[in-house]
Structure formats: structure tokens, C-alpha cells
């Protein structure tokens, strides 16, 4: 699939010496939903700010739909809609005039029918003549999204879009994302709500300490790195795990009422049959077995912790 955004060897080091990004390479496909995951301070917002022309990179190149974002920022930026974390809008303007003004800034011809539809999709129609300062926090967030969509961008960035917002807005926004995706808009989001990325994204990127650890198809990532857990409900609770069970690296849960076994479902041998035989040999009775697969959040935590452990080992 053709790329609409290409990031090559982009780094950012601030005057203080802090390296926010470290030679990031990223290709975004036209029409996809891409989720960028990472803890606070990982570099997500810095990367978005560089692509949108808000921050100047120390090194690297960025191409937005064939336009060099550094040499020709206006052409590149006109193809991008950005919903930042912070609410940044003229509080004294009405909702409708805010959208019209934003559309005009990008040189787009008036299209009231389109703007009206965006207002309706975001449940802002009844507030179109209200001043932004009169709105609730959730409504202000809706205005930010409407403002970002006012010039009909081909790429929409959503930086932590649902952090601290109400359930109604979250539902409306994801509905609109689905609609935009059907219309061909490319959507890139950063989020702490990993379950949303798990549900919505086509691909997932994991960033930590300025380094892009991986970019993977979501389904392939979960298949390749996902683990399964088996909980064994015991008839009689344990106070400690017998040494004879050490090879399975079990953990004791629920105040000794359950044994938990984490295994690789893709492995040729999962170790489950031998574990159950050993429990029988030891006279450990159980009344139920329950298995579940790991979530995208589990995989994300494992990746970050593994990378940090590798870096510490390299330093040592």
C-alpha cells in the first residue's frame, strides 16, 4: 500500500542536551489507522509536533503526501489535521466561526454544508452559536476535533484524544474515526487507552525514550508476541509452591487459591500436559482451569521492560 507519510532518520535534541527522539524511521500507509503507544515522555508528542511543523527536528526528513515538510511546510501542513492534548482555541469566538476561520487559514473555499455535518457528527450542532468559553471541558474537546477537521485533511493526528474526556465524547469520536476511515482519511493516534488501539488500529508502533522499538501489524504482533495464561483453581489453598514445580515458573494468586502458568501458545510444546501430570503426581487437586490470552497492554509492557533491561545490560 502506498505511503502517505514518510519519516526518515528524525532526531530531536534540545538545548539542554535531552534527546527526545533518536533516529526514528516510520512509514504510514494511506488510509490506515496507526496507533503510537508509549509511556509519558516517550517522544510521541515530539514526533507529532515535528511532523506538523511545530518543532524543528535536529536531523532527518519528513515527506507528507509527496511534500517535504521541512522545505515546504505550508504544503505539507495543509494536508494535516491536528488535535493536540491541550485545548488551544479562541475562547471568545463561537464554535461555528472557529471552524470557518480555521478552514480559511488553510486556503480552503467556504463549504458550510461540510462544516455543518462535522458539527452534527460531533454533537455540536446545538452549540454552534455558543462561545467556546461557555462550553464544558468535554464540549471544548469536541470543538478541537471539529477545528482539526475543518479543512478536510488527508491525515488526522489525535494526540491522547480521549484522555480525561467523558464516555459520550469517546463514543462519538470513535464513531467519527470509523466514518473518516471509510472516506479514506489516514488516522494516527497516540493513546494511553490501549484497549482502544487494540480495537481500532491496523498497525501499532511502540516508542520509548525516543526510540521506535517496533512497528507491526496489530494482529501479527499479538500472534507473535502474545502469551496465554492458565489459571488453576485449587481445591485446597497453598502457602508456597513446591520446588518440584519450579520448571514451570508458576505464581501463586488469590491468597493461595490459584496457580497461574504463563506460556507461549505458539510454541511446539506448551508444557501444560506435563504440568497437569506433575500436579497429579504430587497429589495437588484442582477444580477448574481457565485460559486467557494476553492483551496488547501486556505486550506493550513486556516490550518496554525488555528494551530497558537490554539497555541496562549493555551499559553494564
C-alpha atoms as a PDB file:
ATOM      1  CA  UNK A   1       0.000   0.000   0.000  1.00  0.00           C
ATOM      2  CA  UNK A   2       1.242   3.493  -0.867  1.00  0.00           C
ATOM      3  CA  UNK A   3       2.732   5.598   1.942  1.00  0.00           C
ATOM      4  CA  UNK A   4       1.187   8.989   2.657  1.00  0.00           C
ATOM      5  CA  UNK A   5       3.723   9.898   5.348  1.00  0.00           C
ATOM      6  CA  UNK A   6       7.413   9.029   5.430  1.00  0.00           C
ATOM      7  CA  UNK A   7       9.669   9.825   8.390  1.00  0.00           C
ATOM      8  CA  UNK A   8      13.361   9.120   7.883  1.00  0.00           C
ATOM      9  CA  UNK A   9      16.133   9.331  10.497  1.00  0.00           C
ATOM     10  CA  UNK A  10      14.348  12.022  12.501  1.00  0.00           C
ATOM     11  CA  UNK A  11      16.053  13.032  15.734  1.00  0.00           C
ATOM     12  CA  UNK A  12      15.485  15.854  18.194  1.00  0.00           C
ATOM     13  CA  UNK A  13      17.962  17.017  20.813  1.00  0.00           C
ATOM     14  CA  UNK A  14      17.055  20.104  22.829  1.00  0.00           C
ATOM     15  CA  UNK A  15      19.478  22.775  24.026  1.00  0.00           C
ATOM     16  CA  UNK A  16      19.541  21.162  27.454  1.00  0.00           C
ATOM     17  CA  UNK A  17      21.037  18.057  25.892  1.00  0.00           C
ATOM     18  CA  UNK A  18      17.884  15.991  26.278  1.00  0.00           C
ATOM     19  CA  UNK A  19      17.396  13.670  23.293  1.00  0.00           C
ATOM     20  CA  UNK A  20      13.655  13.438  22.734  1.00  0.00           C
ATOM     21  CA  UNK A  21      13.867  11.401  19.516  1.00  0.00           C
ATOM     22  CA  UNK A  22      16.624   9.115  18.303  1.00  0.00           C
ATOM     23  CA  UNK A  23      16.764   8.454  14.522  1.00  0.00           C
ATOM     24  CA  UNK A  24      13.132   7.472  14.017  1.00  0.00           C
ATOM     25  CA  UNK A  25      12.066   5.824  10.746  1.00  0.00           C
ATOM     26  CA  UNK A  26       8.350   5.401  10.068  1.00  0.00           C
ATOM     27  CA  UNK A  27       6.138   4.813   7.037  1.00  0.00           C
ATOM     28  CA  UNK A  28       2.398   5.445   7.343  1.00  0.00           C
ATOM     29  CA  UNK A  29       0.123   3.863   4.749  1.00  0.00           C
ATOM     30  CA  UNK A  30      -2.608   5.836   3.059  1.00  0.00           C
ATOM     31  CA  UNK A  31      -5.989   5.199   4.656  1.00  0.00           C
ATOM     32  CA  UNK A  32      -4.818   3.229   7.683  1.00  0.00           C
ATOM     33  CA  UNK A  33      -5.365   3.776  11.397  1.00  0.00           C
ATOM     34  CA  UNK A  34      -1.991   3.758  13.127  1.00  0.00           C
ATOM     35  CA  UNK A  35      -1.633   3.739  16.912  1.00  0.00           C
ATOM     36  CA  UNK A  36       1.557   5.031  18.508  1.00  0.00           C
ATOM     37  CA  UNK A  37       1.941   3.690  22.026  1.00  0.00           C
ATOM     38  CA  UNK A  38       4.418   4.756  24.665  1.00  0.00           C
ATOM     39  CA  UNK A  39       4.650   5.964  28.275  1.00  0.00           C
ATOM     40  CA  UNK A  40       4.778   9.636  29.225  1.00  0.00           C
ATOM     41  CA  UNK A  41       7.959  11.240  27.927  1.00  0.00           C
ATOM     42  CA  UNK A  42       8.490   8.541  25.297  1.00  0.00           C
ATOM     43  CA  UNK A  43       8.613  11.035  22.407  1.00  0.00           C
ATOM     44  CA  UNK A  44       5.110  10.643  20.970  1.00  0.00           C
ATOM     45  CA  UNK A  45       4.128  14.306  21.138  1.00  0.00           C
ATOM     46  CA  UNK A  46       7.573  15.449  19.959  1.00  0.00           C
ATOM     47  CA  UNK A  47       7.290  13.264  16.863  1.00  0.00           C
ATOM     48  CA  UNK A  48       3.817  14.572  16.052  1.00  0.00           C
ATOM     49  CA  UNK A  49       4.929  18.174  16.648  1.00  0.00           C
ATOM     50  CA  UNK A  50       7.848  17.743  14.241  1.00  0.00           C
ATOM     51  CA  UNK A  51       5.638  16.247  11.518  1.00  0.00           C
ATOM     52  CA  UNK A  52       3.146  19.096  11.941  1.00  0.00           C
ATOM     53  CA  UNK A  53       5.856  21.767  11.735  1.00  0.00           C
ATOM     54  CA  UNK A  54       5.543  22.916  15.343  1.00  0.00           C
ATOM     55  CA  UNK A  55       9.014  21.688  16.358  1.00  0.00           C
ATOM     56  CA  UNK A  56      12.126  21.683  14.165  1.00  0.00           C
ATOM     57  CA  UNK A  57      13.986  18.363  14.006  1.00  0.00           C
ATOM     58  CA  UNK A  58      17.730  18.142  14.674  1.00  0.00           C
ATOM     59  CA  UNK A  59      18.154  15.647  11.826  1.00  0.00           C
ATOM     60  CA  UNK A  60      16.064  13.769   9.302  1.00  0.00           C
ATOM     61  CA  UNK A  61      13.491  14.265   6.563  1.00  0.00           C
ATOM     62  CA  UNK A  62       9.682  14.123   6.504  1.00  0.00           C
ATOM     63  CA  UNK A  63       7.531  13.689   3.407  1.00  0.00           C
ATOM     64  CA  UNK A  64       3.786  14.340   3.663  1.00  0.00           C
ATOM     65  CA  UNK A  65       1.881  13.124   0.618  1.00  0.00           C
ATOM     66  CA  UNK A  66       4.920  13.860  -1.553  1.00  0.00           C
ATOM     67  CA  UNK A  67       5.715  17.238   0.035  1.00  0.00           C
ATOM     68  CA  UNK A  68       8.871  17.925   2.053  1.00  0.00           C
ATOM     69  CA  UNK A  69       7.543  19.051   5.441  1.00  0.00           C
ATOM     70  CA  UNK A  70      10.756  20.897   6.300  1.00  0.00           C
ATOM     71  CA  UNK A  71      11.360  22.696   2.997  1.00  0.00           C
ATOM     72  CA  UNK A  72       7.707  23.247   2.116  1.00  0.00           C
ATOM     73  CA  UNK A  73       5.876  23.271   5.472  1.00  0.00           C
ATOM     74  CA  UNK A  74       2.734  25.062   4.243  1.00  0.00           C
ATOM     75  CA  UNK A  75       2.006  22.483   1.539  1.00  0.00           C
ATOM     76  CA  UNK A  76       2.628  19.628   3.947  1.00  0.00           C
ATOM     77  CA  UNK A  77       0.682  21.144   6.847  1.00  0.00           C
ATOM     78  CA  UNK A  78      -2.387  21.813   4.669  1.00  0.00           C
ATOM     79  CA  UNK A  79      -2.824  18.038   4.402  1.00  0.00           C
ATOM     80  CA  UNK A  80      -2.728  17.506   8.164  1.00  0.00           C
ATOM     81  CA  UNK A  81      -5.324  17.966  10.875  1.00  0.00           C
ATOM     82  CA  UNK A  82      -4.052  18.017  14.471  1.00  0.00           C
ATOM     83  CA  UNK A  83      -5.942  17.538  17.711  1.00  0.00           C
ATOM     84  CA  UNK A  84      -3.353  18.308  20.426  1.00  0.00           C
ATOM     85  CA  UNK A  85      -3.590  17.275  24.065  1.00  0.00           C
ATOM     86  CA  UNK A  86      -4.057  20.845  25.266  1.00  0.00           C
ATOM     87  CA  UNK A  87      -7.107  22.902  24.341  1.00  0.00           C
ATOM     88  CA  UNK A  88      -5.888  25.755  22.145  1.00  0.00           C
ATOM     89  CA  UNK A  89      -8.674  27.827  20.650  1.00  0.00           C
ATOM     90  CA  UNK A  90     -10.043  31.393  20.820  1.00  0.00           C
ATOM     91  CA  UNK A  91     -12.360  31.246  23.821  1.00  0.00           C
ATOM     92  CA  UNK A  92     -14.307  34.340  22.737  1.00  0.00           C
ATOM     93  CA  UNK A  93     -15.246  33.024  19.290  1.00  0.00           C
ATOM     94  CA  UNK A  94     -18.324  30.973  18.557  1.00  0.00           C
ATOM     95  CA  UNK A  95     -17.979  27.331  17.639  1.00  0.00           C
ATOM     96  CA  UNK A  96     -19.088  27.902  14.048  1.00  0.00           C
ATOM     97  CA  UNK A  97     -16.821  30.912  13.485  1.00  0.00           C
ATOM     98  CA  UNK A  98     -13.859  28.995  14.925  1.00  0.00           C
ATOM     99  CA  UNK A  99     -14.332  26.327  12.277  1.00  0.00           C
ATOM    100  CA  UNK A 100     -14.811  28.835   9.449  1.00  0.00           C
ATOM    101  CA  UNK A 101     -11.691  30.742  10.495  1.00  0.00           C
ATOM    102  CA  UNK A 102      -9.580  27.586  10.695  1.00  0.00           C
ATOM    103  CA  UNK A 103     -10.754  26.454   7.262  1.00  0.00           C
ATOM    104  CA  UNK A 104      -9.863  29.865   5.817  1.00  0.00           C
ATOM    105  CA  UNK A 105      -6.352  29.708   7.303  1.00  0.00           C
ATOM    106  CA  UNK A 106      -5.630  26.713   5.093  1.00  0.00           C
ATOM    107  CA  UNK A 107      -6.896  28.485   1.985  1.00  0.00           C
ATOM    108  CA  UNK A 108      -9.958  26.290   1.592  1.00  0.00           C
ATOM    109  CA  UNK A 109     -13.046  27.663  -0.128  1.00  0.00           C
ATOM    110  CA  UNK A 110     -16.148  28.039   2.080  1.00  0.00           C
ATOM    111  CA  UNK A 111     -18.203  24.867   2.415  1.00  0.00           C
ATOM    112  CA  UNK A 112     -20.874  25.397   5.051  1.00  0.00           C
ATOM    113  CA  UNK A 113     -22.595  22.099   4.304  1.00  0.00           C
ATOM    114  CA  UNK A 114     -19.399  20.195   5.183  1.00  0.00           C
ATOM    115  CA  UNK A 115     -18.803  22.220   8.370  1.00  0.00           C
ATOM    116  CA  UNK A 116     -22.410  21.714   9.442  1.00  0.00           C
ATOM    117  CA  UNK A 117     -22.067  17.959   9.009  1.00  0.00           C
ATOM    118  CA  UNK A 118     -18.921  17.891  11.170  1.00  0.00           C
ATOM    119  CA  UNK A 119     -20.789  19.810  13.881  1.00  0.00           C
ATOM    120  CA  UNK A 120     -23.639  17.297  13.753  1.00  0.00           C
ATOM    121  CA  UNK A 121     -21.294  14.295  13.794  1.00  0.00           C
ATOM    122  CA  UNK A 122     -19.613  15.651  16.937  1.00  0.00           C
ATOM    123  CA  UNK A 123     -22.903  16.582  18.661  1.00  0.00           C
ATOM    124  CA  UNK A 124     -22.007  20.297  18.449  1.00  0.00           C
ATOM    125  CA  UNK A 125     -24.864  21.438  16.245  1.00  0.00           C
ATOM    126  CA  UNK A 126     -26.905  22.837  19.133  1.00  0.00           C
ATOM    127  CA  UNK A 127     -23.812  24.710  20.382  1.00  0.00           C
ATOM    128  CA  UNK A 128     -22.726  26.168  17.034  1.00  0.00           C
ATOM    129  CA  UNK A 129     -23.510  29.772  18.044  1.00  0.00           C
ATOM    130  CA  UNK A 130     -22.176  29.483  21.609  1.00  0.00           C
ATOM    131  CA  UNK A 131     -18.835  30.992  22.576  1.00  0.00           C
ATOM    132  CA  UNK A 132     -16.158  28.400  23.265  1.00  0.00           C
ATOM    133  CA  UNK A 133     -15.611  29.827  26.781  1.00  0.00           C
ATOM    134  CA  UNK A 134     -19.212  28.918  27.667  1.00  0.00           C
ATOM    135  CA  UNK A 135     -18.733  25.223  26.931  1.00  0.00           C
ATOM    136  CA  UNK A 136     -17.828  22.366  29.238  1.00  0.00           C
ATOM    137  CA  UNK A 137     -14.418  20.704  29.052  1.00  0.00           C
ATOM    138  CA  UNK A 138     -15.818  17.829  27.004  1.00  0.00           C
ATOM    139  CA  UNK A 139     -17.504  20.195  24.572  1.00  0.00           C
ATOM    140  CA  UNK A 140     -14.281  22.187  24.179  1.00  0.00           C
ATOM    141  CA  UNK A 141     -12.540  18.943  23.237  1.00  0.00           C
ATOM    142  CA  UNK A 142     -15.190  18.355  20.579  1.00  0.00           C
ATOM    143  CA  UNK A 143     -14.509  21.844  19.204  1.00  0.00           C
ATOM    144  CA  UNK A 144     -10.798  20.980  18.939  1.00  0.00           C
ATOM    145  CA  UNK A 145     -11.653  17.928  16.856  1.00  0.00           C
ATOM    146  CA  UNK A 146     -14.062  19.916  14.678  1.00  0.00           C
ATOM    147  CA  UNK A 147     -11.407  22.608  14.179  1.00  0.00           C
ATOM    148  CA  UNK A 148      -8.856  19.986  13.092  1.00  0.00           C
ATOM    149  CA  UNK A 149     -11.321  18.595  10.550  1.00  0.00           C
ATOM    150  CA  UNK A 150     -12.430  21.968   9.197  1.00  0.00           C
ATOM    151  CA  UNK A 151     -10.087  21.957   6.185  1.00  0.00           C
ATOM    152  CA  UNK A 152     -10.762  18.304   5.278  1.00  0.00           C
ATOM    153  CA  UNK A 153      -7.256  16.971   5.996  1.00  0.00           C
ATOM    154  CA  UNK A 154      -5.965  13.769   4.438  1.00  0.00           C
ATOM    155  CA  UNK A 155      -4.093  12.892   7.632  1.00  0.00           C
ATOM    156  CA  UNK A 156      -5.576  13.363  11.102  1.00  0.00           C
ATOM    157  CA  UNK A 157      -3.358  13.304  14.208  1.00  0.00           C
ATOM    158  CA  UNK A 158      -5.060  12.638  17.530  1.00  0.00           C
ATOM    159  CA  UNK A 159      -2.655  13.171  20.442  1.00  0.00           C
ATOM    160  CA  UNK A 160      -4.119  11.412  23.501  1.00  0.00           C
ATOM    161  CA  UNK A 161      -7.614  12.289  22.221  1.00  0.00           C
ATOM    162  CA  UNK A 162      -9.703  10.597  24.905  1.00  0.00           C
ATOM    163  CA  UNK A 163      -7.584  11.331  27.977  1.00  0.00           C
ATOM    164  CA  UNK A 164      -9.900  12.751  30.618  1.00  0.00           C
ATOM    165  CA  UNK A 165     -12.986  13.025  28.419  1.00  0.00           C
ATOM    166  CA  UNK A 166     -16.460  11.700  29.065  1.00  0.00           C
ATOM    167  CA  UNK A 167     -17.766   8.396  27.744  1.00  0.00           C
ATOM    168  CA  UNK A 168     -20.200  10.134  25.392  1.00  0.00           C
ATOM    169  CA  UNK A 169     -17.438  12.067  23.644  1.00  0.00           C
ATOM    170  CA  UNK A 170     -15.274   8.984  23.397  1.00  0.00           C
ATOM    171  CA  UNK A 171     -18.113   7.083  21.745  1.00  0.00           C
ATOM    172  CA  UNK A 172     -18.883   9.930  19.313  1.00  0.00           C
ATOM    173  CA  UNK A 173     -15.234  10.373  18.446  1.00  0.00           C
ATOM    174  CA  UNK A 174     -14.560   6.721  17.675  1.00  0.00           C
ATOM    175  CA  UNK A 175     -17.714   6.662  15.564  1.00  0.00           C
ATOM    176  CA  UNK A 176     -16.397   9.621  13.598  1.00  0.00           C
ATOM    177  CA  UNK A 177     -12.973   7.983  13.240  1.00  0.00           C
ATOM    178  CA  UNK A 178     -14.653   4.992  11.660  1.00  0.00           C
ATOM    179  CA  UNK A 179     -16.516   7.277   9.274  1.00  0.00           C
ATOM    180  CA  UNK A 180     -13.362   9.216   8.355  1.00  0.00           C
ATOM    181  CA  UNK A 181     -11.529   5.985   7.721  1.00  0.00           C
ATOM    182  CA  UNK A 182     -14.286   4.903   5.318  1.00  0.00           C
ATOM    183  CA  UNK A 183     -13.778   8.206   3.477  1.00  0.00           C
ATOM    184  CA  UNK A 184     -10.058   7.486   3.082  1.00  0.00           C
ATOM    185  CA  UNK A 185      -8.618   9.691   5.830  1.00  0.00           C
ATOM    186  CA  UNK A 186      -5.382   8.411   7.363  1.00  0.00           C
ATOM    187  CA  UNK A 187      -5.548   8.492  11.160  1.00  0.00           C
ATOM    188  CA  UNK A 188      -2.593   8.474  13.543  1.00  0.00           C
ATOM    189  CA  UNK A 189      -3.294   8.439  17.249  1.00  0.00           C
ATOM    190  CA  UNK A 190      -1.336   8.300  20.449  1.00  0.00           C
ATOM    191  CA  UNK A 191      -3.136   6.858  23.406  1.00  0.00           C
ATOM    192  CA  UNK A 192      -2.894   5.506  26.921  1.00  0.00           C
ATOM    193  CA  UNK A 193      -6.184   3.671  26.388  1.00  0.00           C
ATOM    194  CA  UNK A 194      -4.551   0.627  24.857  1.00  0.00           C
ATOM    195  CA  UNK A 195      -7.857  -1.198  24.519  1.00  0.00           C
ATOM    196  CA  UNK A 196      -8.922   1.456  22.009  1.00  0.00           C
ATOM    197  CA  UNK A 197      -5.791   0.921  19.928  1.00  0.00           C
ATOM    198  CA  UNK A 198      -6.399  -2.807  20.161  1.00  0.00           C
ATOM    199  CA  UNK A 199      -9.904  -2.364  18.796  1.00  0.00           C
ATOM    200  CA  UNK A 200      -9.338   0.362  16.180  1.00  0.00           C
ATOM    201  CA  UNK A 201      -5.772   0.252  14.832  1.00  0.00           C
ATOM    202  CA  UNK A 202      -4.481  -1.582  11.776  1.00  0.00           C
ATOM    203  CA  UNK A 203      -0.883  -1.266  12.887  1.00  0.00           C
ATOM    204  CA  UNK A 204       0.838  -0.435  16.150  1.00  0.00           C
ATOM    205  CA  UNK A 205       4.111   1.354  16.848  1.00  0.00           C
ATOM    206  CA  UNK A 206       5.783   1.232  20.255  1.00  0.00           C
ATOM    207  CA  UNK A 207       8.053   4.124  21.233  1.00  0.00           C
ATOM    208  CA  UNK A 208      10.067   4.530  24.423  1.00  0.00           C
ATOM    209  CA  UNK A 209      12.783   7.021  25.391  1.00  0.00           C
ATOM    210  CA  UNK A 210      12.811   8.467  21.894  1.00  0.00           C
ATOM    211  CA  UNK A 211      13.363   5.164  20.119  1.00  0.00           C
ATOM    212  CA  UNK A 212      10.791   3.410  17.955  1.00  0.00           C
ATOM    213  CA  UNK A 213      11.037  -0.139  19.283  1.00  0.00           C
ATOM    214  CA  UNK A 214       8.870  -1.733  16.622  1.00  0.00           C
ATOM    215  CA  UNK A 215       6.117  -1.218  14.073  1.00  0.00           C
ATOM    216  CA  UNK A 216       3.913  -4.214  13.446  1.00  0.00           C
ATOM    217  CA  UNK A 217       0.529  -5.264  12.125  1.00  0.00           C
ATOM    218  CA  UNK A 218      -1.633  -5.437  15.204  1.00  0.00           C
ATOM    219  CA  UNK A 219      -2.848  -8.975  14.561  1.00  0.00           C
ATOM    220  CA  UNK A 220       0.659 -10.196  13.730  1.00  0.00           C
ATOM    221  CA  UNK A 221       2.094  -8.531  16.820  1.00  0.00           C
ATOM    222  CA  UNK A 222      -0.401 -10.187  19.110  1.00  0.00           C
ATOM    223  CA  UNK A 223       0.117 -13.542  17.418  1.00  0.00           C
ATOM    224  CA  UNK A 224       3.891 -13.305  17.548  1.00  0.00           C
ATOM    225  CA  UNK A 225       4.356 -11.817  20.999  1.00  0.00           C
ATOM    226  CA  UNK A 226       1.091 -12.625  22.723  1.00  0.00           C
ATOM    227  CA  UNK A 227       1.195 -15.056  25.589  1.00  0.00           C
ATOM    228  CA  UNK A 228      -1.503 -17.085  27.236  1.00  0.00           C
ATOM    229  CA  UNK A 229      -2.221 -17.539  30.895  1.00  0.00           C
ATOM    230  CA  UNK A 230      -3.715 -20.590  32.555  1.00  0.00           C
ATOM    231  CA  UNK A 231      -5.251 -20.240  35.994  1.00  0.00           C
ATOM    232  CA  UNK A 232      -5.600 -23.419  38.008  1.00  0.00           C
ATOM    233  CA  UNK A 233      -8.219 -23.205  40.770  1.00  0.00           C
ATOM    234  CA  UNK A 234      -7.037 -25.378  43.648  1.00  0.00           C
ATOM    235  CA  UNK A 235      -9.235 -27.494  45.889  1.00  0.00           C
ATOM    236  CA  UNK A 236      -7.021 -26.678  48.870  1.00  0.00           C
ATOM    237  CA  UNK A 237      -5.106 -23.382  49.095  1.00  0.00           C
ATOM    238  CA  UNK A 238      -1.286 -23.352  49.142  1.00  0.00           C
ATOM    239  CA  UNK A 239       1.074 -21.280  51.239  1.00  0.00           C
ATOM    240  CA  UNK A 240       4.031 -21.886  48.900  1.00  0.00           C
ATOM    241  CA  UNK A 241       4.711 -23.505  45.518  1.00  0.00           C
ATOM    242  CA  UNK A 242       6.523 -26.879  45.830  1.00  0.00           C
ATOM    243  CA  UNK A 243      10.064 -26.960  44.463  1.00  0.00           C
ATOM    244  CA  UNK A 244       9.023 -29.834  42.168  1.00  0.00           C
ATOM    245  CA  UNK A 245       7.057 -27.262  40.129  1.00  0.00           C
ATOM    246  CA  UNK A 246       9.937 -24.784  39.649  1.00  0.00           C
ATOM    247  CA  UNK A 247      10.457 -25.552  35.952  1.00  0.00           C
ATOM    248  CA  UNK A 248       7.035 -24.082  35.074  1.00  0.00           C
ATOM    249  CA  UNK A 249       7.721 -20.750  36.849  1.00  0.00           C
ATOM    250  CA  UNK A 250       4.267 -20.642  38.411  1.00  0.00           C
ATOM    251  CA  UNK A 251       2.894 -17.829  40.538  1.00  0.00           C
ATOM    252  CA  UNK A 252       0.501 -18.142  43.454  1.00  0.00           C
ATOM    253  CA  UNK A 253      -2.575 -15.925  43.234  1.00  0.00           C
ATOM    254  CA  UNK A 254      -5.790 -15.204  45.128  1.00  0.00           C
ATOM    255  CA  UNK A 255      -4.287 -15.840  48.570  1.00  0.00           C
ATOM    256  CA  UNK A 256      -3.077 -19.289  47.534  1.00  0.00           C
ATOM    257  CA  UNK A 257      -6.292 -20.467  45.883  1.00  0.00           C
ATOM    258  CA  UNK A 258      -4.965 -20.295  42.305  1.00  0.00           C
ATOM    259  CA  UNK A 259      -1.816 -21.219  40.430  1.00  0.00           C
ATOM    260  CA  UNK A 260      -1.013 -19.128  37.349  1.00  0.00           C
ATOM    261  CA  UNK A 261       1.016 -20.503  34.450  1.00  0.00           C
ATOM    262  CA  UNK A 262       2.146 -18.190  31.621  1.00  0.00           C
ATOM    263  CA  UNK A 263       3.040 -19.972  28.378  1.00  0.00           C
ATOM    264  CA  UNK A 264       3.687 -19.371  24.688  1.00  0.00           C
ATOM    265  CA  UNK A 265       0.690 -20.602  22.725  1.00  0.00           C
ATOM    266  CA  UNK A 266       2.782 -20.661  19.522  1.00  0.00           C
ATOM    267  CA  UNK A 267       5.435 -22.950  20.996  1.00  0.00           C
ATOM    268  CA  UNK A 268       5.668 -26.559  19.850  1.00  0.00           C
ATOM    269  CA  UNK A 269       5.285 -27.667  23.455  1.00  0.00           C
ATOM    270  CA  UNK A 270       3.309 -25.549  25.898  1.00  0.00           C
ATOM    271  CA  UNK A 271       4.211 -27.556  28.976  1.00  0.00           C
ATOM    272  CA  UNK A 272       0.578 -27.898  30.042  1.00  0.00           C
ATOM    273  CA  UNK A 273       0.232 -31.727  29.853  1.00  0.00           C
ATOM    274  CA  UNK A 274       3.428 -32.287  31.838  1.00  0.00           C
ATOM    275  CA  UNK A 275       2.351 -29.682  34.409  1.00  0.00           C
ATOM    276  CA  UNK A 276      -1.015 -31.361  34.936  1.00  0.00           C
ATOM    277  CA  UNK A 277       0.670 -34.749  35.284  1.00  0.00           C
ATOM    278  CA  UNK A 278       3.085 -33.369  37.865  1.00  0.00           C
ATOM    279  CA  UNK A 279       0.199 -31.865  39.852  1.00  0.00           C
ATOM    280  CA  UNK A 280      -1.454 -35.291  39.909  1.00  0.00           C
ATOM    281  CA  UNK A 281       1.801 -36.982  40.959  1.00  0.00           C
ATOM    282  CA  UNK A 282       2.138 -34.518  43.837  1.00  0.00           C
ATOM    283  CA  UNK A 283      -1.468 -35.045  44.910  1.00  0.00           C
ATOM    284  CA  UNK A 284      -2.423 -31.408  44.236  1.00  0.00           C
ATOM    285  CA  UNK A 285      -6.117 -31.388  43.360  1.00  0.00           C
ATOM    286  CA  UNK A 286      -7.704 -28.676  41.268  1.00  0.00           C
ATOM    287  CA  UNK A 287     -11.328 -27.940  40.434  1.00  0.00           C
ATOM    288  CA  UNK A 288     -11.116 -25.688  37.387  1.00  0.00           C
ATOM    289  CA  UNK A 289      -8.834 -24.480  34.573  1.00  0.00           C
ATOM    290  CA  UNK A 290      -9.169 -21.168  32.798  1.00  0.00           C
ATOM    291  CA  UNK A 291      -7.009 -19.828  29.963  1.00  0.00           C
ATOM    292  CA  UNK A 292      -6.851 -16.314  28.531  1.00  0.00           C
ATOM    293  CA  UNK A 293      -4.634 -14.560  26.005  1.00  0.00           C
ATOM    294  CA  UNK A 294      -2.557 -11.524  26.835  1.00  0.00           C
ATOM    295  CA  UNK A 295      -3.773  -8.100  25.782  1.00  0.00           C
ATOM    296  CA  UNK A 296      -1.983  -5.501  23.721  1.00  0.00           C
ATOM    297  CA  UNK A 297      -1.211  -3.757  27.021  1.00  0.00           C
ATOM    298  CA  UNK A 298       0.612  -6.836  28.312  1.00  0.00           C
ATOM    299  CA  UNK A 299       2.651  -6.990  25.109  1.00  0.00           C
ATOM    300  CA  UNK A 300       3.454  -3.267  25.317  1.00  0.00           C
ATOM    301  CA  UNK A 301       4.687  -3.538  28.910  1.00  0.00           C
ATOM    302  CA  UNK A 302       6.795  -6.590  28.053  1.00  0.00           C
ATOM    303  CA  UNK A 303       8.403  -4.790  25.091  1.00  0.00           C
ATOM    304  CA  UNK A 304       9.296  -1.680  27.083  1.00  0.00           C
ATOM    305  CA  UNK A 305      10.645  -3.649  30.044  1.00  0.00           C
ATOM    306  CA  UNK A 306      12.648  -5.930  27.758  1.00  0.00           C
ATOM    307  CA  UNK A 307      14.218  -2.958  25.958  1.00  0.00           C
ATOM    308  CA  UNK A 308      15.109  -1.250  29.236  1.00  0.00           C
ATOM    309  CA  UNK A 309      16.672  -4.458  30.565  1.00  0.00           C
ATOM    310  CA  UNK A 310      18.695  -4.814  27.341  1.00  0.00           C
ATOM    311  CA  UNK A 311      19.964  -1.243  27.606  1.00  0.00           C
ATOM    312  CA  UNK A 312      20.964  -1.724  31.247  1.00  0.00           C
ATOM    313  CA  UNK A 313      22.809  -4.899  30.287  1.00  0.00           C
ATOM    314  CA  UNK A 314      24.673  -3.085  27.510  1.00  0.00           C
ATOM    315  CA  UNK A 315      25.740  -0.319  29.905  1.00  0.00           C
ATOM    316  CA  UNK A 316      26.919  -2.855  32.467  1.00  0.00           C
END
